[in-house]
Amino acid sequence: MLYSFVTDGSIYYIGNTIYTSKKRMNGFKNSGSPQKTNLRIKDKLINVLKRKKSVFIYILLDDAKLSYKNFTVSLASGLEDILIRELNPVWNKVGKLKKIL
């Protein structure tokens, strides 16, 4: 499952999970100290909601049965990297590192 958090028409975060949407969102809600990404995004979501802004969650269910040379291919995983790179959501850290030539 590929998901994104959108506020004021802008994509702030794109993520991917093998879990259900309920289980993934509970991961943000009930995050603990070793879950750095969950804690970081949870704090950002709370800050947006405190400003009385809406957060929309868009989900792409990865139900396509894709394969390549007998390997199962995850559409959500394949899209995640390219979307983060191309759309550059401000809450995503991946892709923000300087490129090494």
PDB file of N, CA and C in Angstrom:
ATOM      1  N   MET A   1       0.835  -1.164   0.000  1.00  0.00           N
ATOM      2  CA  MET A   1       0.000   0.000   0.000  1.00  0.00           C
ATOM      3  C   MET A   1       0.891   1.242   0.000  1.00  0.00           C
ATOM      4  N   LEU A   2       0.604   2.130  -0.921  1.00  0.00           N
ATOM      5  CA  LEU A   2       1.292   3.411  -1.006  1.00  0.00           C
ATOM      6  C   LEU A   2       0.346   4.464  -0.440  1.00  0.00           C
ATOM      7  N   TYR A   3       0.853   5.354   0.376  1.00  0.00           N
ATOM      8  CA  TYR A   3      -0.019   6.369   0.969  1.00  0.00           C
ATOM      9  C   TYR A   3       0.692   7.715   0.994  1.00  0.00           C
ATOM     10  N   SER A   4      -0.106   8.765   1.078  1.00  0.00           N
ATOM     11  CA  SER A   4       0.469  10.109   1.185  1.00  0.00           C
ATOM     12  C   SER A   4      -0.390  10.953   2.113  1.00  0.00           C
ATOM     13  N   PHE A   5       0.263  11.917   2.766  1.00  0.00           N
ATOM     14  CA  PHE A   5      -0.415  12.905   3.587  1.00  0.00           C
ATOM     15  C   PHE A   5      -0.403  14.219   2.811  1.00  0.00           C
ATOM     16  N   VAL A   6      -1.590  14.793   2.631  1.00  0.00           N
ATOM     17  CA  VAL A   6      -1.744  16.007   1.830  1.00  0.00           C
ATOM     18  C   VAL A   6      -2.441  17.071   2.663  1.00  0.00           C
ATOM     19  N   THR A   7      -1.884  18.268   2.656  1.00  0.00           N
ATOM     20  CA  THR A   7      -2.471  19.414   3.343  1.00  0.00           C
ATOM     21  C   THR A   7      -2.405  20.613   2.410  1.00  0.00           C
ATOM     22  N   ASP A   8      -3.498  21.354   2.350  1.00  0.00           N
ATOM     23  CA  ASP A   8      -3.573  22.550   1.495  1.00  0.00           C
ATOM     24  C   ASP A   8      -3.159  22.254   0.053  1.00  0.00           C
ATOM     25  N   GLY A   9      -3.495  21.072  -0.421  1.00  0.00           N
ATOM     26  CA  GLY A   9      -3.207  20.713  -1.802  1.00  0.00           C
ATOM     27  C   GLY A   9      -1.767  20.309  -2.076  1.00  0.00           C
ATOM     28  N   SER A  10      -0.944  20.243  -1.038  1.00  0.00           N
ATOM     29  CA  SER A  10       0.462  19.855  -1.202  1.00  0.00           C
ATOM     30  C   SER A  10       0.724  18.513  -0.534  1.00  0.00           C
ATOM     31  N   ILE A  11       1.523  17.697  -1.198  1.00  0.00           N
ATOM     32  CA  ILE A  11       1.913  16.404  -0.637  1.00  0.00           C
ATOM     33  C   ILE A  11       3.068  16.643   0.331  1.00  0.00           C
ATOM     34  N   TYR A  12       2.863  16.249   1.584  1.00  0.00           N
ATOM     35  CA  TYR A  12       3.887  16.439   2.602  1.00  0.00           C
ATOM     36  C   TYR A  12       4.678  15.173   2.884  1.00  0.00           C
ATOM     37  N   TYR A  13       4.066  14.016   2.654  1.00  0.00           N
ATOM     38  CA  TYR A  13       4.751  12.761   2.960  1.00  0.00           C
ATOM     39  C   TYR A  13       4.213  11.656   2.068  1.00  0.00           C
ATOM     40  N   ILE A  14       5.114  10.810   1.602  1.00  0.00           N
ATOM     41  CA  ILE A  14       4.750   9.609   0.844  1.00  0.00           C
ATOM     42  C   ILE A  14       5.400   8.424   1.538  1.00  0.00           C
ATOM     43  N   GLY A  15       4.617   7.381   1.774  1.00  0.00           N
ATOM     44  CA  GLY A  15       5.134   6.188   2.421  1.00  0.00           C
ATOM     45  C   GLY A  15       4.582   4.924   1.779  1.00  0.00           C
ATOM     46  N   ASN A  16       5.153   3.821   2.171  1.00  0.00           N
ATOM     47  CA  ASN A  16       4.790   2.521   1.630  1.00  0.00           C
ATOM     48  C   ASN A  16       4.782   1.529   2.786  1.00  0.00           C
ATOM     49  N   THR A  17       3.828   0.618   2.787  1.00  0.00           N
ATOM     50  CA  THR A  17       3.764  -0.379   3.839  1.00  0.00           C
ATOM     51  C   THR A  17       3.160  -1.673   3.306  1.00  0.00           C
ATOM     52  N   ILE A  18       3.489  -2.764   3.966  1.00  0.00           N
ATOM     53  CA  ILE A  18       2.877  -4.050   3.633  1.00  0.00           C
ATOM     54  C   ILE A  18       1.655  -4.297   4.518  1.00  0.00           C
ATOM     55  N   TYR A  19       1.443  -3.419   5.490  1.00  0.00           N
ATOM     56  CA  TYR A  19       0.340  -3.583   6.443  1.00  0.00           C
ATOM     57  C   TYR A  19      -0.943  -2.929   5.937  1.00  0.00           C
ATOM     58  N   THR A  20      -2.040  -3.178   6.650  1.00  0.00           N
ATOM     59  CA  THR A  20      -3.306  -2.522   6.316  1.00  0.00           C
ATOM     60  C   THR A  20      -3.204  -1.035   6.665  1.00  0.00           C
ATOM     61  N   SER A  21      -4.097  -0.247   6.106  1.00  0.00           N
ATOM     62  CA  SER A  21      -4.081   1.187   6.399  1.00  0.00           C
ATOM     63  C   SER A  21      -4.319   1.424   7.895  1.00  0.00           C
ATOM     64  N   LYS A  22      -5.212   0.665   8.488  1.00  0.00           N
ATOM     65  CA  LYS A  22      -5.490   0.821   9.920  1.00  0.00           C
ATOM     66  C   LYS A  22      -4.245   0.543  10.759  1.00  0.00           C
ATOM     67  N   LYS A  23      -3.562  -0.549  10.448  1.00  0.00           N
ATOM     68  CA  LYS A  23      -2.362  -0.900  11.212  1.00  0.00           C
ATOM     69  C   LYS A  23      -1.256   0.137  11.002  1.00  0.00           C
ATOM     70  N   ARG A  24      -1.112   0.632   9.775  1.00  0.00           N
ATOM     71  CA  ARG A  24      -0.063   1.627   9.514  1.00  0.00           C
ATOM     72  C   ARG A  24      -0.347   2.938  10.239  1.00  0.00           C
ATOM     73  N   MET A  25      -1.593   3.405  10.200  1.00  0.00           N
ATOM     74  CA  MET A  25      -1.928   4.660  10.874  1.00  0.00           C
ATOM     75  C   MET A  25      -1.810   4.500  12.390  1.00  0.00           C
ATOM     76  N   ASN A  26      -2.122   3.313  12.912  1.00  0.00           N
ATOM     77  CA  ASN A  26      -1.907   3.053  14.342  1.00  0.00           C
ATOM     78  C   ASN A  26      -0.424   3.117  14.690  1.00  0.00           C
ATOM     79  N   GLY A  27       0.434   2.783  13.733  1.00  0.00           N
ATOM     80  CA  GLY A  27       1.874   2.899  13.948  1.00  0.00           C
ATOM     81  C   GLY A  27       2.294   4.337  14.205  1.00  0.00           C
ATOM     82  N   PHE A  28       1.649   5.272  13.532  1.00  0.00           N
ATOM     83  CA  PHE A  28       1.925   6.682  13.797  1.00  0.00           C
ATOM     84  C   PHE A  28       1.319   7.094  15.139  1.00  0.00           C
ATOM     85  N   LYS A  29       0.097   6.679  15.380  1.00  0.00           N
ATOM     86  CA  LYS A  29      -0.632   7.065  16.592  1.00  0.00           C
ATOM     87  C   LYS A  29       0.051   6.550  17.859  1.00  0.00           C
ATOM     88  N   ASN A  30       0.508   5.313  17.837  1.00  0.00           N
ATOM     89  CA  ASN A  30       1.066   4.666  19.025  1.00  0.00           C
ATOM     90  C   ASN A  30       2.564   4.435  18.921  1.00  0.00           C
ATOM     91  N   SER A  31       3.273   5.334  18.285  1.00  0.00           N
ATOM     92  CA  SER A  31       4.706   5.130  18.053  1.00  0.00           C
ATOM     93  C   SER A  31       5.499   5.246  19.349  1.00  0.00           C
ATOM     94  N   GLY A  32       6.591   4.479  19.390  1.00  0.00           N
ATOM     95  CA  GLY A  32       7.480   4.478  20.550  1.00  0.00           C
ATOM     96  C   GLY A  32       8.863   4.971  20.182  1.00  0.00           C
ATOM     97  N   SER A  33       9.753   4.996  21.144  1.00  0.00           N
ATOM     98  CA  SER A  33      11.076   5.600  20.957  1.00  0.00           C
ATOM     99  C   SER A  33      11.922   4.996  19.830  1.00  0.00           C
ATOM    100  N   PRO A  34      11.888   3.674  19.563  1.00  0.00           N
ATOM    101  CA  PRO A  34      12.751   3.179  18.484  1.00  0.00           C
ATOM    102  C   PRO A  34      12.201   3.481  17.083  1.00  0.00           C
ATOM    103  N   GLN A  35      10.974   3.979  17.008  1.00  0.00           N
ATOM    104  CA  GLN A  35      10.331   4.226  15.715  1.00  0.00           C
ATOM    105  C   GLN A  35      10.493   5.699  15.328  1.00  0.00           C
ATOM    106  N   LYS A  36      11.696   6.075  14.923  1.00  0.00           N
ATOM    107  CA  LYS A  36      12.017   7.482  14.682  1.00  0.00           C
ATOM    108  C   LYS A  36      11.147   8.114  13.604  1.00  0.00           C
ATOM    109  N   THR A  37      10.925   7.413  12.502  1.00  0.00           N
ATOM    110  CA  THR A  37      10.101   7.981  11.439  1.00  0.00           C
ATOM    111  C   THR A  37       8.672   8.180  11.924  1.00  0.00           C
ATOM    112  N   ASN A  38       8.119   7.191  12.598  1.00  0.00           N
ATOM    113  CA  ASN A  38       6.756   7.317  13.113  1.00  0.00           C
ATOM    114  C   ASN A  38       6.626   8.507  14.054  1.00  0.00           C
ATOM    115  N   LEU A  39       7.576   8.671  14.960  1.00  0.00           N
ATOM    116  CA  LEU A  39       7.538   9.788  15.912  1.00  0.00           C
ATOM    117  C   LEU A  39       7.656  11.128  15.193  1.00  0.00           C
ATOM    118  N   ARG A  40       8.559  11.204  14.235  1.00  0.00           N
ATOM    119  CA  ARG A  40       8.783  12.450  13.493  1.00  0.00           C
ATOM    120  C   ARG A  40       7.535  12.854  12.722  1.00  0.00           C
ATOM    121  N   ILE A  41       6.939  11.909  12.006  1.00  0.00           N
ATOM    122  CA  ILE A  41       5.749  12.216  11.205  1.00  0.00           C
ATOM    123  C   ILE A  41       4.556  12.492  12.113  1.00  0.00           C
ATOM    124  N   LYS A  42       4.429  11.752  13.197  1.00  0.00           N
ATOM    125  CA  LYS A  42       3.345  11.992  14.159  1.00  0.00           C
ATOM    126  C   LYS A  42       3.406  13.434  14.666  1.00  0.00           C
ATOM    127  N   ASP A  43       4.589  13.907  15.044  1.00  0.00           N
ATOM    128  CA  ASP A  43       4.746  15.288  15.518  1.00  0.00           C
ATOM    129  C   ASP A  43       4.333  16.297  14.448  1.00  0.00           C
ATOM    130  N   LYS A  44       4.710  16.020  13.215  1.00  0.00           N
ATOM    131  CA  LYS A  44       4.349  16.933  12.123  1.00  0.00           C
ATOM    132  C   LYS A  44       2.838  16.942  11.889  1.00  0.00           C
ATOM    133  N   LEU A  45       2.221  15.774  11.949  1.00  0.00           N
ATOM    134  CA  LEU A  45       0.766  15.691  11.791  1.00  0.00           C
ATOM    135  C   LEU A  45       0.051  16.450  12.902  1.00  0.00           C
ATOM    136  N   ILE A  46       0.507  16.280  14.133  1.00  0.00           N
ATOM    137  CA  ILE A  46      -0.099  16.987  15.266  1.00  0.00           C
ATOM    138  C   ILE A  46       0.016  18.492  15.084  1.00  0.00           C
ATOM    139  N   ASN A  47       1.182  18.958  14.635  1.00  0.00           N
ATOM    140  CA  ASN A  47       1.368  20.403  14.417  1.00  0.00           C
ATOM    141  C   ASN A  47       0.415  20.944  13.361  1.00  0.00           C
ATOM    142  N   VAL A  48       0.211  20.189  12.296  1.00  0.00           N
ATOM    143  CA  VAL A  48      -0.732  20.621  11.247  1.00  0.00           C
ATOM    144  C   VAL A  48      -2.147  20.677  11.816  1.00  0.00           C
ATOM    145  N   LEU A  49      -2.537  19.654  12.549  1.00  0.00           N
ATOM    146  CA  LEU A  49      -3.897  19.603  13.112  1.00  0.00           C
ATOM    147  C   LEU A  49      -4.114  20.687  14.168  1.00  0.00           C
ATOM    148  N   LYS A  50      -3.081  21.024  14.930  1.00  0.00           N
ATOM    149  CA  LYS A  50      -3.189  22.109  15.920  1.00  0.00           C
ATOM    150  C   LYS A  50      -3.470  23.455  15.244  1.00  0.00           C
ATOM    151  N   ARG A  51      -3.015  23.601  14.013  1.00  0.00           N
ATOM    152  CA  ARG A  51      -3.264  24.842  13.251  1.00  0.00           C
ATOM    153  C   ARG A  51      -4.633  24.801  12.564  1.00  0.00           C
ATOM    154  N   LYS A  52      -5.439  23.787  12.940  1.00  0.00           N
ATOM    155  CA  LYS A  52      -6.798  23.618  12.412  1.00  0.00           C
ATOM    156  C   LYS A  52      -6.815  23.398  10.900  1.00  0.00           C
ATOM    157  N   LYS A  53      -5.781  22.736  10.408  1.00  0.00           N
ATOM    158  CA  LYS A  53      -5.696  22.358   9.001  1.00  0.00           C
ATOM    159  C   LYS A  53      -6.133  20.903   8.863  1.00  0.00           C
ATOM    160  N   SER A  54      -6.643  20.565   7.709  1.00  0.00           N
ATOM    161  CA  SER A  54      -7.021  19.182   7.414  1.00  0.00           C
ATOM    162  C   SER A  54      -5.835  18.433   6.829  1.00  0.00           C
ATOM    163  N   VAL A  55      -5.756  17.164   7.146  1.00  0.00           N
ATOM    164  CA  VAL A  55      -4.773  16.269   6.543  1.00  0.00           C
ATOM    165  C   VAL A  55      -5.558  15.196   5.808  1.00  0.00           C
ATOM    166  N   PHE A  56      -5.362  15.132   4.507  1.00  0.00           N
ATOM    167  CA  PHE A  56      -6.007  14.108   3.694  1.00  0.00           C
ATOM    168  C   PHE A  56      -5.018  12.977   3.497  1.00  0.00           C
ATOM    169  N   ILE A  57      -5.518  11.761   3.558  1.00  0.00           N
ATOM    170  CA  ILE A  57      -4.679  10.585   3.348  1.00  0.00           C
ATOM    171  C   ILE A  57      -5.150   9.910   2.067  1.00  0.00           C
ATOM    172  N   TYR A  58      -4.256   9.841   1.089  1.00  0.00           N
ATOM    173  CA  TYR A  58      -4.557   9.175  -0.170  1.00  0.00           C
ATOM    174  C   TYR A  58      -3.844   7.839  -0.178  1.00  0.00           C
ATOM    175  N   ILE A  59      -4.561   6.804  -0.591  1.00  0.00           N
ATOM    176  CA  ILE A  59      -4.024   5.440  -0.541  1.00  0.00           C
ATOM    177  C   ILE A  59      -4.148   4.771  -1.910  1.00  0.00           C
ATOM    178  N   LEU A  60      -3.077   4.124  -2.316  1.00  0.00           N
ATOM    179  CA  LEU A  60      -3.091   3.262  -3.497  1.00  0.00           C
ATOM    180  C   LEU A  60      -2.891   1.838  -3.000  1.00  0.00           C
ATOM    181  N   LEU A  61      -3.937   1.035  -3.112  1.00  0.00           N
ATOM    182  CA  LEU A  61      -3.819  -0.360  -2.711  1.00  0.00           C
ATOM    183  C   LEU A  61      -3.046  -1.120  -3.776  1.00  0.00           C
ATOM    184  N   ASP A  62      -2.093  -1.878  -3.340  1.00  0.00           N
ATOM    185  CA  ASP A  62      -1.226  -2.620  -4.259  1.00  0.00           C
ATOM    186  C   ASP A  62      -1.828  -3.997  -4.508  1.00  0.00           C
ATOM    187  N   ASP A  63      -2.937  -4.031  -5.258  1.00  0.00           N
ATOM    188  CA  ASP A  63      -3.592  -5.312  -5.502  1.00  0.00           C
ATOM    189  C   ASP A  63      -3.301  -5.880  -6.893  1.00  0.00           C
ATOM    190  N   ALA A  64      -2.458  -5.189  -7.642  1.00  0.00           N
ATOM    191  CA  ALA A  64      -2.080  -5.691  -8.958  1.00  0.00           C
ATOM    192  C   ALA A  64      -1.135  -6.874  -8.787  1.00  0.00           C
ATOM    193  N   LYS A  65      -1.348  -7.891  -9.547  1.00  0.00           N
ATOM    194  CA  LYS A  65      -0.491  -9.078  -9.476  1.00  0.00           C
ATOM    195  C   LYS A  65       0.551  -8.975 -10.594  1.00  0.00           C
ATOM    196  N   LEU A  66       1.566  -8.178 -10.351  1.00  0.00           N
ATOM    197  CA  LEU A  66       2.610  -7.950 -11.340  1.00  0.00           C
ATOM    198  C   LEU A  66       3.780  -8.887 -11.084  1.00  0.00           C
ATOM    199  N   SER A  67       4.425  -9.282 -12.166  1.00  0.00           N
ATOM    200  CA  SER A  67       5.611 -10.112 -12.014  1.00  0.00           C
ATOM    201  C   SER A  67       6.602  -9.796 -13.124  1.00  0.00           C
ATOM    202  N   TYR A  68       7.847 -10.100 -12.822  1.00  0.00           N
ATOM    203  CA  TYR A  68       8.929  -9.947 -13.782  1.00  0.00           C
ATOM    204  C   TYR A  68       9.860 -11.131 -13.596  1.00  0.00           C
ATOM    205  N   LYS A  69       9.980 -11.949 -14.631  1.00  0.00           N
ATOM    206  CA  LYS A  69      10.835 -13.146 -14.590  1.00  0.00           C
ATOM    207  C   LYS A  69      10.612 -13.970 -13.326  1.00  0.00           C
ATOM    208  N   ASN A  70       9.387 -14.320 -13.069  1.00  0.00           N
ATOM    209  CA  ASN A  70       8.990 -15.145 -11.932  1.00  0.00           C
ATOM    210  C   ASN A  70       9.135 -14.470 -10.562  1.00  0.00           C
ATOM    211  N   PHE A  71       9.381 -13.166 -10.540  1.00  0.00           N
ATOM    212  CA  PHE A  71       9.438 -12.425  -9.288  1.00  0.00           C
ATOM    213  C   PHE A  71       8.188 -11.570  -9.170  1.00  0.00           C
ATOM    214  N   THR A  72       7.594 -11.544  -7.983  1.00  0.00           N
ATOM    215  CA  THR A  72       6.457 -10.670  -7.732  1.00  0.00           C
ATOM    216  C   THR A  72       6.968  -9.241  -7.591  1.00  0.00           C
ATOM    217  N   VAL A  73       6.290  -8.315  -8.241  1.00  0.00           N
ATOM    218  CA  VAL A  73       6.700  -6.911  -8.232  1.00  0.00           C
ATOM    219  C   VAL A  73       5.648  -6.098  -7.481  1.00  0.00           C
ATOM    220  N   SER A  74       6.096  -5.281  -6.552  1.00  0.00           N
ATOM    221  CA  SER A  74       5.208  -4.410  -5.792  1.00  0.00           C
ATOM    222  C   SER A  74       5.092  -3.065  -6.495  1.00  0.00           C
ATOM    223  N   LEU A  75       3.913  -2.748  -6.975  1.00  0.00           N
ATOM    224  CA  LEU A  75       3.676  -1.461  -7.621  1.00  0.00           C
ATOM    225  C   LEU A  75       3.902  -0.328  -6.625  1.00  0.00           C
ATOM    226  N   ALA A  76       3.427  -0.487  -5.397  1.00  0.00           N
ATOM    227  CA  ALA A  76       3.582   0.551  -4.374  1.00  0.00           C
ATOM    228  C   ALA A  76       5.056   0.832  -4.086  1.00  0.00           C
ATOM    229  N   SER A  77       5.843  -0.211  -3.924  1.00  0.00           N
ATOM    230  CA  SER A  77       7.275  -0.024  -3.657  1.00  0.00           C
ATOM    231  C   SER A  77       7.978   0.612  -4.842  1.00  0.00           C
ATOM    232  N   GLY A  78       7.601   0.184  -6.035  1.00  0.00           N
ATOM    233  CA  GLY A  78       8.218   0.747  -7.236  1.00  0.00           C
ATOM    234  C   GLY A  78       7.898   2.217  -7.429  1.00  0.00           C
ATOM    235  N   LEU A  79       6.687   2.611  -7.091  1.00  0.00           N
ATOM    236  CA  LEU A  79       6.286   4.005  -7.245  1.00  0.00           C
ATOM    237  C   LEU A  79       6.829   4.916  -6.148  1.00  0.00           C
ATOM    238  N   GLU A  80       7.005   4.372  -4.952  1.00  0.00           N
ATOM    239  CA  GLU A  80       7.402   5.200  -3.820  1.00  0.00           C
ATOM    240  C   GLU A  80       8.673   6.001  -4.107  1.00  0.00           C
ATOM    241  N   ASP A  81       9.739   5.346  -4.516  1.00  0.00           N
ATOM    242  CA  ASP A  81      11.015   6.034  -4.743  1.00  0.00           C
ATOM    243  C   ASP A  81      10.907   7.115  -5.807  1.00  0.00           C
ATOM    244  N   ILE A  82      10.275   6.794  -6.926  1.00  0.00           N
ATOM    245  CA  ILE A  82      10.188   7.770  -8.017  1.00  0.00           C
ATOM    246  C   ILE A  82       9.308   8.949  -7.628  1.00  0.00           C
ATOM    247  N   LEU A  83       8.218   8.700  -6.927  1.00  0.00           N
ATOM    248  CA  LEU A  83       7.344   9.799  -6.506  1.00  0.00           C
ATOM    249  C   LEU A  83       8.032  10.704  -5.490  1.00  0.00           C
ATOM    250  N   ILE A  84       8.760  10.123  -4.554  1.00  0.00           N
ATOM    251  CA  ILE A  84       9.494  10.938  -3.581  1.00  0.00           C
ATOM    252  C   ILE A  84      10.550  11.772  -4.297  1.00  0.00           C
ATOM    253  N   ARG A  85      11.260  11.154  -5.222  1.00  0.00           N
ATOM    254  CA  ARG A  85      12.301  11.884  -5.947  1.00  0.00           C
ATOM    255  C   ARG A  85      11.719  13.006  -6.796  1.00  0.00           C
ATOM    256  N   GLU A  86      10.637  12.731  -7.500  1.00  0.00           N
ATOM    257  CA  GLU A  86      10.057  13.720  -8.409  1.00  0.00           C
ATOM    258  C   GLU A  86       9.235  14.796  -7.687  1.00  0.00           C
ATOM    259  N   LEU A  87       8.501  14.412  -6.639  1.00  0.00           N
ATOM    260  CA  LEU A  87       7.607  15.359  -5.961  1.00  0.00           C
ATOM    261  C   LEU A  87       8.252  16.024  -4.745  1.00  0.00           C
ATOM    262  N   ASN A  88       9.303  15.408  -4.209  1.00  0.00           N
ATOM    263  CA  ASN A  88      10.094  15.966  -3.121  1.00  0.00           C
ATOM    264  C   ASN A  88       9.252  16.439  -1.926  1.00  0.00           C
ATOM    265  N   PRO A  89       8.435  15.553  -1.344  1.00  0.00           N
ATOM    266  CA  PRO A  89       7.620  15.955  -0.190  1.00  0.00           C
ATOM    267  C   PRO A  89       8.503  16.422   0.970  1.00  0.00           C
ATOM    268  N   VAL A  90       8.104  17.500   1.618  1.00  0.00           N
ATOM    269  CA  VAL A  90       8.967  18.123   2.624  1.00  0.00           C
ATOM    270  C   VAL A  90       9.210  17.261   3.857  1.00  0.00           C
ATOM    271  N   TRP A  91       8.315  16.341   4.188  1.00  0.00           N
ATOM    272  CA  TRP A  91       8.511  15.506   5.376  1.00  0.00           C
ATOM    273  C   TRP A  91       9.329  14.246   5.092  1.00  0.00           C
ATOM    274  N   ASN A  92       9.521  13.911   3.833  1.00  0.00           N
ATOM    275  CA  ASN A  92      10.330  12.735   3.494  1.00  0.00           C
ATOM    276  C   ASN A  92      11.796  13.099   3.582  1.00  0.00           C
ATOM    277  N   LYS A  93      12.579  12.261   4.226  1.00  0.00           N
ATOM    278  CA  LYS A  93      14.024  12.482   4.302  1.00  0.00           C
ATOM    279  C   LYS A  93      14.742  11.803   3.149  1.00  0.00           C
ATOM    280  N   VAL A  94      14.205  10.683   2.687  1.00  0.00           N
ATOM    281  CA  VAL A  94      14.824   9.940   1.596  1.00  0.00           C
ATOM    282  C   VAL A  94      14.872  10.824   0.365  1.00  0.00           C
ATOM    283  N   GLY A  95      16.007  10.845  -0.307  1.00  0.00           N
ATOM    284  CA  GLY A  95      16.139  11.638  -1.516  1.00  0.00           C
ATOM    285  C   GLY A  95      16.606  13.050  -1.252  1.00  0.00           C
ATOM    286  N   LYS A  96      16.709  13.438   0.016  1.00  0.00           N
ATOM    287  CA  LYS A  96      17.147  14.780   0.343  1.00  0.00           C
ATOM    288  C   LYS A  96      18.661  14.864   0.543  1.00  0.00           C
ATOM    289  N   LEU A  97      19.315  13.707   0.557  1.00  0.00           N
ATOM    290  CA  LEU A  97      20.763  13.697   0.703  1.00  0.00           C
ATOM    291  C   LEU A  97      21.413  14.161  -0.588  1.00  0.00           C
ATOM    292  N   LYS A  98      22.571  14.775  -0.468  1.00  0.00           N
ATOM    293  CA  LYS A  98      23.274  15.230  -1.655  1.00  0.00           C
ATOM    294  C   LYS A  98      23.712  14.035  -2.493  1.00  0.00           C
ATOM    295  N   LYS A  99      23.604  14.199  -3.781  1.00  0.00           N
ATOM    296  CA  LYS A  99      24.039  13.129  -4.682  1.00  0.00           C
ATOM    297  C   LYS A  99      25.554  13.045  -4.706  1.00  0.00           C
ATOM    298  N   ILE A 100      26.050  11.829  -4.696  1.00  0.00           N
ATOM    299  CA  ILE A 100      27.488  11.610  -4.789  1.00  0.00           C
ATOM    300  C   ILE A 100      27.792  11.306  -6.243  1.00  0.00           C
ATOM    301  N   LEU A 101      28.684  12.083  -6.814  1.00  0.00           N
ATOM    302  CA  LEU A 101      29.041  11.891  -8.220  1.00  0.00           C
ATOM    303  C   LEU A 101      30.132  10.872  -8.372  1.00  0.00           C
TER     304      LEU A 101
END
